[in-house]
Amino acid sequence: MNATNRPLSNRKNPRLPGYDYAQAGAYFITVVTQGRVPLFGEVANGEMHLNPAGEMVVWVCEEMPNYIPGMEWGIYQVMPNHFHGVIELHIGDAPKSNNPIVGADFHVRPGQPRRVAPTGGRQINTSADDKSIRRLTLGNIVGRFKSLTTRRYLDGVHADNWQPLPTHLWQRNYYEHIIRDDQDYQSIFDYILANPQNWEQDREHPSR
């Protein structure tokens, strides 16, 4: 799993040529802040402690499936300077059981440990166009995640004196891996879950 956590600046075109990223499947993504600046909280005693900006990222995650039909989070983790998540894409609004996933059976996957959105957070404004979309690519979804979190972060900078951004919130690119079977899913699930405990050895740690 170490290869999944290399700095994104070392990668050239991580997309798989010719792959249809709108088809049903599960995808592991990693998005890193610009300059690997820790903006979302800190890790202490092997646990991630979110600051208000980190809680904002959780709110965006919790709201996204409400207006992107067929999209779910399998698991996600906000870290001080990066974000890991498993995005599950299903066909339109069809139930999971009617959708072939890339080599994986999600009826037997582990329970969902994602964080519960805190109360009192800002709601995400969505347009009619968002609600009518039935087929988004993985890149579209990651782009919306970046756009929404950036917009909310800038709101926090102006309204709540959050740390100003050096340039952008996120690095331009992102890492993505197609999950092909249950074993692959379990390995990624365990890796994301253990990310806070392994923070000191993480390749995204600012000391590295």
Foldseek 3Di string as FASTA:
>chain_A
DQVQQAPPVPDDPQDDPPDFQQAFAKKKKKWFFVVLAQQFAAFDPLDGDGDVLVLQLVQLQVCLCVQAAQWHWQEKDDHRTMIITMIGGAQFNDDPVPGDYQAEDVVPADDYPHDDRDPPDDHDDDDPVSNPDGTDGPVRSVVVSQVRSQVVVVVCCVPPVGPDGPPGGTDPDMHMDTQHYRVSVNVSVVCRVSCSVCVVVGNSNSVD
